[in-house]
């Protein structure tokens, strides 16, 4: 476990405050996943006092890790002009663990049906970014991991997606880094035995 692995959380659901605090928050349904992240951080910052607490107004739980020297630097680099921006340099720094955490945060799988039958599993990562950023993500996964993706637009933002065959390649690469409590996000791919319908 390394601090750089947390870049996957940062590109996903976490954020860094201007004061240099890395904040992680998840819904009550994903409390076990938050506890996994909490244990992860406890090993990276032994002796630090940061506990999980409930945010009732958000129906969620969260905790924050303070490391001003590190996180203020990360914020300057990854939040140009105060806005989280995906860059090639950021993507090139992602470890396998970081990518797995990113997928746990923003990834999803869903069945595709035809004539009432399940024919494929579609995977997506809700990057919710600009088209230029989505293009960088697609170029990164295709070039480094041989995982081709396409982009989709939703409410003015872009996310990336990929089909069953490519999804299984993704699982082969990163499943070992996904905590047990989040394996439901990849179970559809692992258990699917139908036709690919070209995916």
Protein backbone atom coordinates (compact mmCIF):
# COMPACT_ATOMS: atom_id res chain seq x y z
CA UNK A 1 0.00 0.00 0.00
CA UNK A 2 1.35 3.39 -1.03
CA UNK A 3 0.12 6.94 -0.80
CA UNK A 4 0.22 7.21 -4.59
CA UNK A 5 -2.50 4.53 -4.72
CA UNK A 6 -4.89 7.16 -3.34
CA UNK A 7 -4.72 9.02 -6.65
CA UNK A 8 -7.42 6.58 -7.77
CA UNK A 9 -9.71 7.78 -4.98
CA UNK A 10 -8.91 11.37 -5.84
CA UNK A 11 -9.78 10.92 -9.51
CA UNK A 12 -12.93 9.18 -8.27
CA UNK A 13 -15.16 10.32 -5.40
CA UNK A 14 -12.68 11.88 -2.97
CA UNK A 15 -11.49 15.48 -2.92
CA UNK A 16 -8.81 17.64 -1.35
CA UNK A 17 -9.81 20.73 0.59
CA UNK A 18 -7.82 23.98 0.23
CA UNK A 19 -6.39 23.28 3.70
CA UNK A 20 -4.81 20.05 2.52
CA UNK A 21 -7.29 17.49 3.83
CA UNK A 22 -8.17 14.45 1.74
CA UNK A 23 -11.89 13.83 2.32
CA UNK A 24 -13.55 10.50 1.59
CA UNK A 25 -17.33 10.14 1.76
CA UNK A 26 -19.67 7.32 0.79
CA UNK A 27 -23.34 6.55 1.21
CA UNK A 28 -24.51 4.44 4.12
CA UNK A 29 -24.84 1.49 1.74
CA UNK A 30 -21.12 1.69 1.04
CA UNK A 31 -19.95 2.13 4.62
CA UNK A 32 -17.97 -1.11 4.46
CA UNK A 33 -16.06 0.25 1.46
CA UNK A 34 -15.34 3.46 3.37
CA UNK A 35 -14.07 1.36 6.26
CA UNK A 36 -11.73 -0.40 3.81
CA UNK A 37 -10.36 2.99 2.74
CA UNK A 38 -10.09 4.04 6.38
CA UNK A 39 -8.01 0.95 7.21
CA UNK A 40 -5.93 1.61 4.10
CA UNK A 41 -5.14 5.14 5.29
CA UNK A 42 -4.51 4.03 8.86
CA UNK A 43 -1.67 1.89 7.55
CA UNK A 44 -0.25 4.80 5.58
CA UNK A 45 -0.52 7.29 8.45
CA UNK A 46 -0.08 5.21 11.62
CA UNK A 47 -0.85 7.02 14.83
CA UNK A 48 -2.97 9.70 13.14
CA UNK A 49 -6.39 10.33 14.64
CA UNK A 50 -8.99 10.43 11.87
CA UNK A 51 -12.24 8.64 12.54
CA UNK A 52 -15.31 7.89 10.45
CA UNK A 53 -18.37 9.94 11.31
CA UNK A 54 -21.92 10.10 10.03
CA UNK A 55 -23.15 12.93 7.81
CA UNK A 56 -26.88 12.59 8.36
CA UNK A 57 -27.83 15.38 5.96
CA UNK A 58 -26.12 13.41 3.15
CA UNK A 59 -27.17 9.95 4.34
CA UNK A 60 -23.48 9.14 4.31
CA UNK A 61 -20.32 8.53 6.30
CA UNK A 62 -16.95 10.19 5.84
CA UNK A 63 -13.48 10.77 7.20
CA UNK A 64 -10.63 13.09 6.33
CA UNK A 65 -6.86 12.68 6.35
CA UNK A 66 -4.73 15.76 6.99
CA UNK A 67 -1.27 15.86 5.41
CA UNK A 68 -0.87 19.47 4.33
CA UNK A 69 2.59 19.13 2.76
CA UNK A 70 1.44 16.29 0.50
CA UNK A 71 -2.16 17.15 -0.21
CA UNK A 72 -1.69 20.87 -0.81
CA UNK A 73 0.88 19.90 -3.41
CA UNK A 74 -1.52 17.40 -4.94
CA UNK A 75 -4.27 20.01 -4.99
CA UNK A 76 -2.06 22.49 -6.84
CA UNK A 77 -1.17 19.86 -9.40
CA UNK A 78 -4.48 18.05 -9.88
CA UNK A 79 -6.82 21.01 -9.28
CA UNK A 80 -5.53 23.73 -11.61
CA UNK A 81 -7.55 26.89 -10.96
CA UNK A 82 -9.30 24.99 -8.16
CA UNK A 83 -10.99 22.50 -10.53
CA UNK A 84 -10.20 18.79 -10.66
CA UNK A 85 -8.78 18.16 -14.13
CA UNK A 86 -7.74 14.81 -15.56
CA UNK A 87 -4.36 15.06 -17.27
CA UNK A 88 -2.02 12.64 -19.05
CA UNK A 89 0.53 13.05 -16.27
CA UNK A 90 -2.08 12.14 -13.66
CA UNK A 91 -3.16 9.04 -15.59
CA UNK A 92 0.44 7.93 -16.11
CA UNK A 93 0.95 7.96 -12.33
CA UNK A 94 -1.93 5.59 -11.61
CA UNK A 95 -0.99 2.23 -10.11
CA UNK A 96 -3.08 -0.91 -10.50
CA UNK A 97 -4.41 -0.36 -6.98
CA UNK A 98 -5.30 3.23 -7.87
CA UNK A 99 -7.23 2.13 -10.96
CA UNK A 100 -9.09 -0.50 -8.94
CA UNK A 101 -10.13 2.12 -6.38
CA UNK A 102 -11.18 4.47 -9.17
CA UNK A 103 -13.41 1.74 -10.61
CA UNK A 104 -14.84 0.99 -7.15
CA UNK A 105 -15.72 4.68 -6.84
CA UNK A 106 -17.03 5.44 -10.33
CA UNK A 107 -17.34 2.15 -12.18
CA UNK A 108 -20.50 0.18 -12.89
CA UNK A 109 -21.75 -2.77 -14.92
CA UNK A 110 -25.17 -3.35 -16.45
CA UNK A 111 -26.81 -6.06 -18.55
CA UNK A 112 -27.74 -5.41 -22.17
CA UNK A 113 -30.84 -7.22 -23.38
CA UNK A 114 -32.26 -8.15 -26.77
CA UNK A 115 -35.67 -9.76 -27.18
CA UNK A 116 -35.85 -10.17 -23.43
CA UNK A 117 -32.53 -12.05 -23.23
CA UNK A 118 -29.30 -10.83 -21.70
CA UNK A 119 -26.75 -10.65 -24.52
CA UNK A 120 -23.86 -8.69 -23.02
CA UNK A 121 -22.54 -6.73 -20.06
CA UNK A 122 -21.71 -3.08 -20.53
CA UNK A 123 -19.19 -1.42 -18.22
CA UNK A 124 -18.70 2.26 -17.62
CA UNK A 125 -16.62 4.66 -15.55
CA UNK A 126 -18.55 7.81 -14.70
CA UNK A 127 -15.72 10.27 -15.20
CA UNK A 128 -18.20 13.16 -15.57
CA UNK A 129 -15.52 15.22 -17.28
CA UNK A 130 -14.94 17.23 -20.43
CA UNK A 131 -14.73 15.53 -23.81
CA UNK A 132 -10.99 16.28 -23.97
CA UNK A 133 -10.47 14.58 -20.60
CA UNK A 134 -12.53 11.57 -21.69
CA UNK A 135 -10.35 11.29 -24.80
CA UNK A 136 -7.26 11.22 -22.55
CA UNK A 137 -8.77 8.43 -20.45
CA UNK A 138 -9.58 6.40 -23.59
CA UNK A 139 -6.07 6.93 -24.98
CA UNK A 140 -4.52 5.93 -21.65
CA UNK A 141 -6.41 2.64 -21.18
CA UNK A 142 -6.01 1.64 -24.82
CA UNK A 143 -2.32 2.51 -24.98
CA UNK A 144 -1.11 1.22 -21.61
CA UNK A 145 -3.49 -1.63 -20.84
CA UNK A 146 -4.86 -2.63 -24.27
CA UNK A 147 -8.34 -1.87 -22.96
CA UNK A 148 -10.20 0.04 -25.70
CA UNK A 149 -13.07 2.24 -24.57
CA UNK A 150 -15.55 4.65 -26.08
CA UNK A 151 -17.11 7.78 -24.66
CA UNK A 152 -20.67 8.72 -23.94
CA UNK A 153 -22.26 12.07 -23.19
CA UNK A 154 -24.61 12.64 -20.30
CA UNK A 155 -25.98 16.06 -19.31
CA UNK A 156 -23.09 17.91 -20.92
CA UNK A 157 -20.37 15.77 -19.33
CA UNK A 158 -18.56 12.70 -20.65
CA UNK A 159 -17.95 9.24 -19.27
CA UNK A 160 -16.25 6.17 -20.75
CA UNK A 161 -17.61 2.69 -21.41
CA UNK A 162 -16.56 -0.72 -22.71
CA UNK A 163 -18.23 -4.03 -23.47
CA UNK A 164 -18.13 -7.59 -22.14
CA UNK A 165 -14.96 -8.89 -23.76
CA UNK A 166 -12.93 -5.82 -22.89
CA UNK A 167 -14.53 -5.75 -19.45
CA UNK A 168 -13.21 -9.23 -18.75
CA UNK A 169 -9.77 -8.02 -19.75
CA UNK A 170 -10.20 -5.19 -17.25
CA UNK A 171 -11.16 -7.68 -14.53
CA UNK A 172 -8.15 -9.87 -15.33
CA UNK A 173 -5.87 -6.87 -14.76
CA UNK A 174 -7.43 -5.27 -11.69
CA UNK A 175 -9.75 -7.69 -9.87
CA UNK A 176 -7.05 -8.67 -7.39
CA UNK A 177 -6.93 -5.08 -6.12
CA UNK A 178 -10.69 -4.65 -5.66
CA UNK A 179 -11.88 -5.19 -2.06
CA UNK A 180 -14.36 -8.01 -1.46
CA UNK A 181 -17.15 -5.61 -0.50
CA UNK A 182 -17.01 -4.04 -3.98
CA UNK A 183 -16.76 -7.22 -6.04
CA UNK A 184 -20.45 -6.90 -6.89
CA UNK A 185 -19.35 -4.33 -9.47
CA UNK A 186 -17.49 -7.02 -11.41
CA UNK A 187 -19.62 -10.08 -10.61
CA UNK A 188 -21.83 -9.56 -13.67
CA UNK A 189 -18.79 -9.88 -15.90
CA UNK A 190 -17.35 -12.89 -14.11
CA UNK A 191 -20.64 -14.78 -13.99
CA UNK A 192 -21.95 -13.88 -17.44
CA UNK A 193 -21.91 -16.90 -19.76
CA UNK A 194 -24.06 -15.71 -22.66
CA UNK A 195 -23.04 -14.49 -26.09
CA UNK A 196 -21.04 -11.31 -26.51
CA UNK A 197 -23.12 -9.94 -29.35
CA UNK A 198 -19.97 -8.37 -30.73
CA UNK A 199 -18.80 -6.86 -27.41
